[in-house]
């Protein structure tokens, strides 16, 4: 295979196979050598492709991690389907969404925590709030949207664009806890889900009441200012609500 950027590239199913091979190889090397010590050249060599081809499919090592994020989101969406198809009670649905994510993420835990720590840097393209992470971010938000809208809990239609994003932010809090959780099988992370889901479900159910609506909007305004990539551009501008009457 000839070297050079993009040379020898394939089309169709074989192209997808090559892309998957490069990603699989990268994930294995991240686990064996560590994220920081793994180079694109080493990944290409182990995968049996040219360096140019590796860069054709993934323009940087960070984009390989984005490929992992996309895979994790897709696996999560598939694994959580039975929960969302079978449960109607919001707390049960939300508990299933979060516990299923822990199940799906567990096999990747030995090396995923390495670049999740790097993702804590707000300037990093690995950050879940970065423009580069938009695909995986929106996929997970869509799961939370389905979790909410398919439940028996009624919510205010005006808040519909905002609530799944607030749920996603809580999910990111769980991911951060999971990164530093050293218990077997992420037992403390699972316990955290069990303890906090009833509170979250209760808060979501209360959001339909007028007295709570301004508080939700105030939270959304803060997110619009400090996390514009995750809220305002997807949900639209947030209008300040007049004082609510009880």
C-alpha atoms as a PDB file:
ATOM      1  CA  UNK A   1       0.000   0.000   0.000  1.00  0.00           C
ATOM      2  CA  UNK A   2       1.394   3.349  -0.963  1.00  0.00           C
ATOM      3  CA  UNK A   3       2.156   5.928   1.662  1.00  0.00           C
ATOM      4  CA  UNK A   4       0.913   9.476   1.529  1.00  0.00           C
ATOM      5  CA  UNK A   5      -2.112  11.249   2.877  1.00  0.00           C
ATOM      6  CA  UNK A   6      -5.299   9.600   1.650  1.00  0.00           C
ATOM      7  CA  UNK A   7      -3.544   7.274  -0.837  1.00  0.00           C
ATOM      8  CA  UNK A   8      -4.882   3.765  -1.185  1.00  0.00           C
ATOM      9  CA  UNK A   9      -8.189   4.667   0.398  1.00  0.00           C
ATOM     10  CA  UNK A  10     -11.201   2.445  -0.215  1.00  0.00           C
ATOM     11  CA  UNK A  11     -14.890   3.029  -0.682  1.00  0.00           C
ATOM     12  CA  UNK A  12     -18.030   1.400   0.677  1.00  0.00           C
ATOM     13  CA  UNK A  13     -18.148  -1.429   3.224  1.00  0.00           C
ATOM     14  CA  UNK A  14     -14.429  -2.098   2.964  1.00  0.00           C
ATOM     15  CA  UNK A  15     -13.746   1.503   3.861  1.00  0.00           C
ATOM     16  CA  UNK A  16     -15.859   1.088   7.001  1.00  0.00           C
ATOM     17  CA  UNK A  17     -13.943  -2.090   7.841  1.00  0.00           C
ATOM     18  CA  UNK A  18     -10.643  -0.238   7.548  1.00  0.00           C
ATOM     19  CA  UNK A  19     -11.916   2.592   9.716  1.00  0.00           C
ATOM     20  CA  UNK A  20     -13.146   0.118  12.329  1.00  0.00           C
ATOM     21  CA  UNK A  21      -9.807  -1.721  12.239  1.00  0.00           C
ATOM     22  CA  UNK A  22      -7.877   1.497  12.889  1.00  0.00           C
ATOM     23  CA  UNK A  23     -10.188   2.404  15.766  1.00  0.00           C
ATOM     24  CA  UNK A  24      -9.968  -1.086  17.308  1.00  0.00           C
ATOM     25  CA  UNK A  25      -6.187  -0.996  17.047  1.00  0.00           C
ATOM     26  CA  UNK A  26      -6.025   2.449  18.645  1.00  0.00           C
ATOM     27  CA  UNK A  27      -8.204   1.395  21.569  1.00  0.00           C
ATOM     28  CA  UNK A  28      -6.033  -1.678  22.159  1.00  0.00           C
ATOM     29  CA  UNK A  29      -2.833   0.377  22.096  1.00  0.00           C
ATOM     30  CA  UNK A  30      -4.336   3.005  24.386  1.00  0.00           C
ATOM     31  CA  UNK A  31      -5.002   0.206  26.857  1.00  0.00           C
ATOM     32  CA  UNK A  32      -1.563  -1.416  26.477  1.00  0.00           C
ATOM     33  CA  UNK A  33       0.656   1.677  26.267  1.00  0.00           C
ATOM     34  CA  UNK A  34      -1.478   4.529  27.526  1.00  0.00           C
ATOM     35  CA  UNK A  35      -3.081   7.320  25.544  1.00  0.00           C
ATOM     36  CA  UNK A  36      -0.193   9.789  25.757  1.00  0.00           C
ATOM     37  CA  UNK A  37       2.412   7.208  24.683  1.00  0.00           C
ATOM     38  CA  UNK A  38       0.513   5.949  21.656  1.00  0.00           C
ATOM     39  CA  UNK A  39       1.291   7.644  18.334  1.00  0.00           C
ATOM     40  CA  UNK A  40      -0.611   7.668  15.057  1.00  0.00           C
ATOM     41  CA  UNK A  41       2.388   5.994  13.411  1.00  0.00           C
ATOM     42  CA  UNK A  42       2.253   3.130  15.910  1.00  0.00           C
ATOM     43  CA  UNK A  43      -1.481   2.737  15.351  1.00  0.00           C
ATOM     44  CA  UNK A  44      -1.031   2.614  11.570  1.00  0.00           C
ATOM     45  CA  UNK A  45       1.792   0.080  11.857  1.00  0.00           C
ATOM     46  CA  UNK A  46      -0.209  -2.214  14.139  1.00  0.00           C
ATOM     47  CA  UNK A  47      -3.291  -1.929  11.914  1.00  0.00           C
ATOM     48  CA  UNK A  48      -1.277  -2.719   8.774  1.00  0.00           C
ATOM     49  CA  UNK A  49      -2.164   0.499   6.954  1.00  0.00           C
ATOM     50  CA  UNK A  50      -0.101   3.439   5.809  1.00  0.00           C
ATOM     51  CA  UNK A  51       0.256   6.467   8.035  1.00  0.00           C
ATOM     52  CA  UNK A  52      -1.452   8.468   5.286  1.00  0.00           C
ATOM     53  CA  UNK A  53      -4.449   6.167   5.338  1.00  0.00           C
ATOM     54  CA  UNK A  54      -4.659   6.363   9.123  1.00  0.00           C
ATOM     55  CA  UNK A  55      -4.768  10.154   8.865  1.00  0.00           C
ATOM     56  CA  UNK A  56      -7.362   9.917   6.081  1.00  0.00           C
ATOM     57  CA  UNK A  57      -9.821   8.160   8.394  1.00  0.00           C
ATOM     58  CA  UNK A  58      -8.828  10.006  11.576  1.00  0.00           C
ATOM     59  CA  UNK A  59      -7.113  13.350  11.160  1.00  0.00           C
ATOM     60  CA  UNK A  60      -5.551  13.196  14.651  1.00  0.00           C
ATOM     61  CA  UNK A  61      -5.288  11.046  17.735  1.00  0.00           C
ATOM     62  CA  UNK A  62      -8.002  13.176  19.300  1.00  0.00           C
ATOM     63  CA  UNK A  63     -10.331  12.240  16.429  1.00  0.00           C
ATOM     64  CA  UNK A  64      -9.723   8.595  17.254  1.00  0.00           C
ATOM     65  CA  UNK A  65     -11.046   9.313  20.730  1.00  0.00           C
ATOM     66  CA  UNK A  66     -14.036  11.028  19.153  1.00  0.00           C
ATOM     67  CA  UNK A  67     -14.593   7.778  17.262  1.00  0.00           C
ATOM     68  CA  UNK A  68     -14.611   6.011  20.616  1.00  0.00           C
ATOM     69  CA  UNK A  69     -17.132   8.513  22.000  1.00  0.00           C
ATOM     70  CA  UNK A  70     -19.392   7.865  19.004  1.00  0.00           C
ATOM     71  CA  UNK A  71     -19.084   4.113  19.454  1.00  0.00           C
ATOM     72  CA  UNK A  72     -19.866   4.328  23.165  1.00  0.00           C
ATOM     73  CA  UNK A  73     -22.940   6.467  22.457  1.00  0.00           C
ATOM     74  CA  UNK A  74     -24.162   4.021  19.795  1.00  0.00           C
ATOM     75  CA  UNK A  75     -23.638   1.003  22.059  1.00  0.00           C
ATOM     76  CA  UNK A  76     -25.452   2.802  24.866  1.00  0.00           C
ATOM     77  CA  UNK A  77     -28.421   3.657  22.617  1.00  0.00           C
ATOM     78  CA  UNK A  78     -28.756   0.020  21.561  1.00  0.00           C
ATOM     79  CA  UNK A  79     -28.303  -1.449  25.043  1.00  0.00           C
ATOM     80  CA  UNK A  80     -30.832   0.858  26.686  1.00  0.00           C
ATOM     81  CA  UNK A  81     -33.560   0.135  24.144  1.00  0.00           C
ATOM     82  CA  UNK A  82     -35.272  -2.635  26.224  1.00  0.00           C
ATOM     83  CA  UNK A  83     -35.495  -0.289  29.222  1.00  0.00           C
ATOM     84  CA  UNK A  84     -37.022   2.561  27.240  1.00  0.00           C
ATOM     85  CA  UNK A  85     -39.374   0.220  25.396  1.00  0.00           C
ATOM     86  CA  UNK A  86     -40.580  -1.486  28.561  1.00  0.00           C
ATOM     87  CA  UNK A  87     -40.611   1.066  31.392  1.00  0.00           C
ATOM     88  CA  UNK A  88     -42.960   4.034  31.718  1.00  0.00           C
ATOM     89  CA  UNK A  89     -42.121   5.379  35.173  1.00  0.00           C
ATOM     90  CA  UNK A  90     -39.551   8.168  34.845  1.00  0.00           C
ATOM     91  CA  UNK A  91     -37.311   7.130  37.734  1.00  0.00           C
ATOM     92  CA  UNK A  92     -37.072   3.566  36.390  1.00  0.00           C
ATOM     93  CA  UNK A  93     -36.268   4.848  32.895  1.00  0.00           C
ATOM     94  CA  UNK A  94     -33.605   7.274  34.109  1.00  0.00           C
ATOM     95  CA  UNK A  95     -32.077   4.662  36.399  1.00  0.00           C
ATOM     96  CA  UNK A  96     -31.934   2.267  33.458  1.00  0.00           C
ATOM     97  CA  UNK A  97     -30.297   4.863  31.200  1.00  0.00           C
ATOM     98  CA  UNK A  98     -27.512   5.603  33.681  1.00  0.00           C
ATOM     99  CA  UNK A  99     -26.886   2.046  34.876  1.00  0.00           C
ATOM    100  CA  UNK A 100     -26.827   0.825  31.285  1.00  0.00           C
ATOM    101  CA  UNK A 101     -24.197   3.446  30.464  1.00  0.00           C
ATOM    102  CA  UNK A 102     -22.066   2.096  33.323  1.00  0.00           C
ATOM    103  CA  UNK A 103     -22.514  -1.428  31.943  1.00  0.00           C
ATOM    104  CA  UNK A 104     -21.507  -0.385  28.430  1.00  0.00           C
ATOM    105  CA  UNK A 105     -18.540   1.721  29.604  1.00  0.00           C
ATOM    106  CA  UNK A 106     -17.128  -0.831  32.058  1.00  0.00           C
ATOM    107  CA  UNK A 107     -15.102  -2.893  29.508  1.00  0.00           C
ATOM    108  CA  UNK A 108     -13.382   0.309  28.362  1.00  0.00           C
ATOM    109  CA  UNK A 109     -12.657   1.534  31.872  1.00  0.00           C
ATOM    110  CA  UNK A 110      -8.947   0.546  32.107  1.00  0.00           C
ATOM    111  CA  UNK A 111      -7.959   3.033  29.396  1.00  0.00           C
ATOM    112  CA  UNK A 112     -10.984   5.312  28.962  1.00  0.00           C
ATOM    113  CA  UNK A 113     -10.244   7.033  32.254  1.00  0.00           C
ATOM    114  CA  UNK A 114      -6.901   8.193  30.802  1.00  0.00           C
ATOM    115  CA  UNK A 115      -8.394  10.435  28.157  1.00  0.00           C
ATOM    116  CA  UNK A 116     -11.484  11.289  30.169  1.00  0.00           C
ATOM    117  CA  UNK A 117      -9.023  12.954  32.543  1.00  0.00           C
ATOM    118  CA  UNK A 118      -7.534  14.855  29.590  1.00  0.00           C
ATOM    119  CA  UNK A 119     -11.079  15.819  28.627  1.00  0.00           C
ATOM    120  CA  UNK A 120     -11.343  17.805  31.859  1.00  0.00           C
ATOM    121  CA  UNK A 121      -9.286  20.509  30.115  1.00  0.00           C
ATOM    122  CA  UNK A 122     -11.899  22.917  28.679  1.00  0.00           C
ATOM    123  CA  UNK A 123      -9.568  23.721  25.775  1.00  0.00           C
ATOM    124  CA  UNK A 124      -9.193  20.070  24.802  1.00  0.00           C
ATOM    125  CA  UNK A 125     -11.063  18.718  21.756  1.00  0.00           C
ATOM    126  CA  UNK A 126     -11.708  15.681  23.961  1.00  0.00           C
ATOM    127  CA  UNK A 127     -13.924  17.767  26.242  1.00  0.00           C
ATOM    128  CA  UNK A 128     -17.575  16.656  26.109  1.00  0.00           C
ATOM    129  CA  UNK A 129     -18.455  20.336  25.715  1.00  0.00           C
ATOM    130  CA  UNK A 130     -16.225  20.907  22.659  1.00  0.00           C
ATOM    131  CA  UNK A 131     -17.471  21.388  19.078  1.00  0.00           C
ATOM    132  CA  UNK A 132     -15.571  18.219  18.143  1.00  0.00           C
ATOM    133  CA  UNK A 133     -17.731  16.198  20.555  1.00  0.00           C
ATOM    134  CA  UNK A 134     -21.050  17.402  19.174  1.00  0.00           C
ATOM    135  CA  UNK A 135     -21.994  14.111  17.503  1.00  0.00           C
ATOM    136  CA  UNK A 136     -21.595  11.947  20.599  1.00  0.00           C
ATOM    137  CA  UNK A 137     -23.051  14.679  22.808  1.00  0.00           C
ATOM    138  CA  UNK A 138     -26.224  14.989  20.749  1.00  0.00           C
ATOM    139  CA  UNK A 139     -26.592  11.198  20.614  1.00  0.00           C
ATOM    140  CA  UNK A 140     -26.601  10.966  24.412  1.00  0.00           C
ATOM    141  CA  UNK A 141     -28.922  13.963  24.752  1.00  0.00           C
ATOM    142  CA  UNK A 142     -31.302  12.190  22.364  1.00  0.00           C
ATOM    143  CA  UNK A 143     -31.361   9.195  24.719  1.00  0.00           C
ATOM    144  CA  UNK A 144     -32.322  11.456  27.609  1.00  0.00           C
ATOM    145  CA  UNK A 145     -34.960  13.146  25.483  1.00  0.00           C
ATOM    146  CA  UNK A 146     -36.489   9.756  24.704  1.00  0.00           C
ATOM    147  CA  UNK A 147     -36.216   8.815  28.377  1.00  0.00           C
ATOM    148  CA  UNK A 148     -38.249  11.879  29.339  1.00  0.00           C
ATOM    149  CA  UNK A 149     -40.826  12.070  26.541  1.00  0.00           C
ATOM    150  CA  UNK A 150     -41.633   8.349  26.659  1.00  0.00           C
ATOM    151  CA  UNK A 151     -42.339   8.406  30.379  1.00  0.00           C
ATOM    152  CA  UNK A 152     -45.655   8.828  32.138  1.00  0.00           C
ATOM    153  CA  UNK A 153     -44.389  12.059  33.747  1.00  0.00           C
ATOM    154  CA  UNK A 154     -45.847  15.285  32.367  1.00  0.00           C
ATOM    155  CA  UNK A 155     -43.531  18.247  31.840  1.00  0.00           C
ATOM    156  CA  UNK A 156     -43.989  21.798  30.620  1.00  0.00           C
ATOM    157  CA  UNK A 157     -43.782  21.827  26.774  1.00  0.00           C
ATOM    158  CA  UNK A 158     -41.935  25.151  26.914  1.00  0.00           C
ATOM    159  CA  UNK A 159     -39.108  23.471  28.811  1.00  0.00           C
ATOM    160  CA  UNK A 160     -38.933  20.470  26.485  1.00  0.00           C
ATOM    161  CA  UNK A 161     -35.743  21.615  24.667  1.00  0.00           C
ATOM    162  CA  UNK A 162     -33.955  22.326  27.959  1.00  0.00           C
ATOM    163  CA  UNK A 163     -34.695  19.387  30.243  1.00  0.00           C
ATOM    164  CA  UNK A 164     -32.854  16.662  28.261  1.00  0.00           C
ATOM    165  CA  UNK A 165     -29.752  18.866  28.276  1.00  0.00           C
ATOM    166  CA  UNK A 166     -29.957  19.307  32.008  1.00  0.00           C
ATOM    167  CA  UNK A 167     -30.267  15.527  32.269  1.00  0.00           C
ATOM    168  CA  UNK A 168     -27.178  15.163  30.068  1.00  0.00           C
ATOM    169  CA  UNK A 169     -25.202  17.491  32.347  1.00  0.00           C
ATOM    170  CA  UNK A 170     -26.154  15.313  35.318  1.00  0.00           C
ATOM    171  CA  UNK A 171     -24.995  12.332  33.249  1.00  0.00           C
ATOM    172  CA  UNK A 172     -21.633  14.061  32.737  1.00  0.00           C
ATOM    173  CA  UNK A 173     -21.379  14.442  36.507  1.00  0.00           C
ATOM    174  CA  UNK A 174     -21.774  10.680  36.794  1.00  0.00           C
ATOM    175  CA  UNK A 175     -19.048  10.159  34.176  1.00  0.00           C
ATOM    176  CA  UNK A 176     -16.657  12.354  36.177  1.00  0.00           C
ATOM    177  CA  UNK A 177     -17.437  10.400  39.350  1.00  0.00           C
ATOM    178  CA  UNK A 178     -16.931   7.121  37.449  1.00  0.00           C
ATOM    179  CA  UNK A 179     -13.502   8.231  36.203  1.00  0.00           C
ATOM    180  CA  UNK A 180     -12.233   8.467  39.774  1.00  0.00           C
ATOM    181  CA  UNK A 181     -14.238   5.528  41.147  1.00  0.00           C
ATOM    182  CA  UNK A 182     -11.859   2.682  42.014  1.00  0.00           C
ATOM    183  CA  UNK A 183     -14.433   0.271  43.477  1.00  0.00           C
ATOM    184  CA  UNK A 184     -14.970  -3.133  41.840  1.00  0.00           C
ATOM    185  CA  UNK A 185     -17.482  -2.926  39.033  1.00  0.00           C
ATOM    186  CA  UNK A 186     -17.883   0.802  39.706  1.00  0.00           C
ATOM    187  CA  UNK A 187     -20.014  -0.087  42.730  1.00  0.00           C
ATOM    188  CA  UNK A 188     -19.970   3.450  44.168  1.00  0.00           C
ATOM    189  CA  UNK A 189     -21.034   4.916  40.825  1.00  0.00           C
ATOM    190  CA  UNK A 190     -23.957   2.495  40.747  1.00  0.00           C
ATOM    191  CA  UNK A 191     -24.841   3.448  44.293  1.00  0.00           C
ATOM    192  CA  UNK A 192     -24.724   7.115  43.292  1.00  0.00           C
ATOM    193  CA  UNK A 193     -27.240   6.428  40.522  1.00  0.00           C
ATOM    194  CA  UNK A 194     -29.545   4.567  42.898  1.00  0.00           C
ATOM    195  CA  UNK A 195     -29.490   7.397  45.437  1.00  0.00           C
ATOM    196  CA  UNK A 196     -29.799  10.375  43.086  1.00  0.00           C
ATOM    197  CA  UNK A 197     -32.258   9.176  40.428  1.00  0.00           C
ATOM    198  CA  UNK A 198     -35.364   9.515  42.649  1.00  0.00           C
ATOM    199  CA  UNK A 199     -34.341  13.101  43.415  1.00  0.00           C
ATOM    200  CA  UNK A 200     -33.770  13.910  39.740  1.00  0.00           C
ATOM    201  CA  UNK A 201     -37.042  12.301  38.677  1.00  0.00           C
ATOM    202  CA  UNK A 202     -38.904  14.270  41.328  1.00  0.00           C
ATOM    203  CA  UNK A 203     -37.304  17.528  40.197  1.00  0.00           C
ATOM    204  CA  UNK A 204     -38.217  16.819  36.574  1.00  0.00           C
ATOM    205  CA  UNK A 205     -41.818  16.093  37.500  1.00  0.00           C
ATOM    206  CA  UNK A 206     -42.029  19.345  39.468  1.00  0.00           C
ATOM    207  CA  UNK A 207     -40.770  21.373  36.492  1.00  0.00           C
ATOM    208  CA  UNK A 208     -44.289  21.431  35.050  1.00  0.00           C
ATOM    209  CA  UNK A 209     -45.523  23.700  37.854  1.00  0.00           C
ATOM    210  CA  UNK A 210     -45.461  27.437  37.219  1.00  0.00           C
ATOM    211  CA  UNK A 211     -43.710  28.196  40.490  1.00  0.00           C
ATOM    212  CA  UNK A 212     -40.723  26.076  39.433  1.00  0.00           C
ATOM    213  CA  UNK A 213     -40.592  27.207  35.807  1.00  0.00           C
ATOM    214  CA  UNK A 214     -38.600  30.424  36.465  1.00  0.00           C
ATOM    215  CA  UNK A 215     -35.958  28.452  38.360  1.00  0.00           C
ATOM    216  CA  UNK A 216     -35.471  26.092  35.418  1.00  0.00           C
ATOM    217  CA  UNK A 217     -35.160  29.057  33.095  1.00  0.00           C
ATOM    218  CA  UNK A 218     -32.600  30.720  35.360  1.00  0.00           C
ATOM    219  CA  UNK A 219     -30.522  27.544  35.261  1.00  0.00           C
ATOM    220  CA  UNK A 220     -30.849  27.518  31.464  1.00  0.00           C
ATOM    221  CA  UNK A 221     -29.694  31.137  31.270  1.00  0.00           C
ATOM    222  CA  UNK A 222     -26.562  30.283  33.241  1.00  0.00           C
ATOM    223  CA  UNK A 223     -25.900  27.374  30.882  1.00  0.00           C
ATOM    224  CA  UNK A 224     -26.478  29.604  27.867  1.00  0.00           C
ATOM    225  CA  UNK A 225     -23.797  31.980  29.123  1.00  0.00           C
ATOM    226  CA  UNK A 226     -21.181  29.465  30.225  1.00  0.00           C
ATOM    227  CA  UNK A 227     -21.870  26.379  28.077  1.00  0.00           C
ATOM    228  CA  UNK A 228     -23.200  27.801  24.799  1.00  0.00           C
ATOM    229  CA  UNK A 229     -22.284  24.731  22.764  1.00  0.00           C
ATOM    230  CA  UNK A 230     -24.534  22.477  24.830  1.00  0.00           C
ATOM    231  CA  UNK A 231     -27.640  24.559  25.343  1.00  0.00           C
ATOM    232  CA  UNK A 232     -28.376  27.764  23.510  1.00  0.00           C
ATOM    233  CA  UNK A 233     -27.482  26.635  19.993  1.00  0.00           C
ATOM    234  CA  UNK A 234     -29.650  23.571  20.228  1.00  0.00           C
ATOM    235  CA  UNK A 235     -32.516  24.836  22.348  1.00  0.00           C
ATOM    236  CA  UNK A 236     -32.712  28.402  21.016  1.00  0.00           C
ATOM    237  CA  UNK A 237     -32.496  31.613  23.018  1.00  0.00           C
ATOM    238  CA  UNK A 238     -33.873  31.455  26.529  1.00  0.00           C
ATOM    239  CA  UNK A 239     -36.416  34.149  27.357  1.00  0.00           C
ATOM    240  CA  UNK A 240     -36.567  35.426  30.877  1.00  0.00           C
ATOM    241  CA  UNK A 241     -39.857  34.468  32.472  1.00  0.00           C
ATOM    242  CA  UNK A 242     -41.978  36.965  34.410  1.00  0.00           C
ATOM    243  CA  UNK A 243     -42.445  36.305  38.122  1.00  0.00           C
ATOM    244  CA  UNK A 244     -44.751  33.343  38.604  1.00  0.00           C
ATOM    245  CA  UNK A 245     -47.862  33.457  40.664  1.00  0.00           C
ATOM    246  CA  UNK A 246     -48.508  30.555  42.989  1.00  0.00           C
END
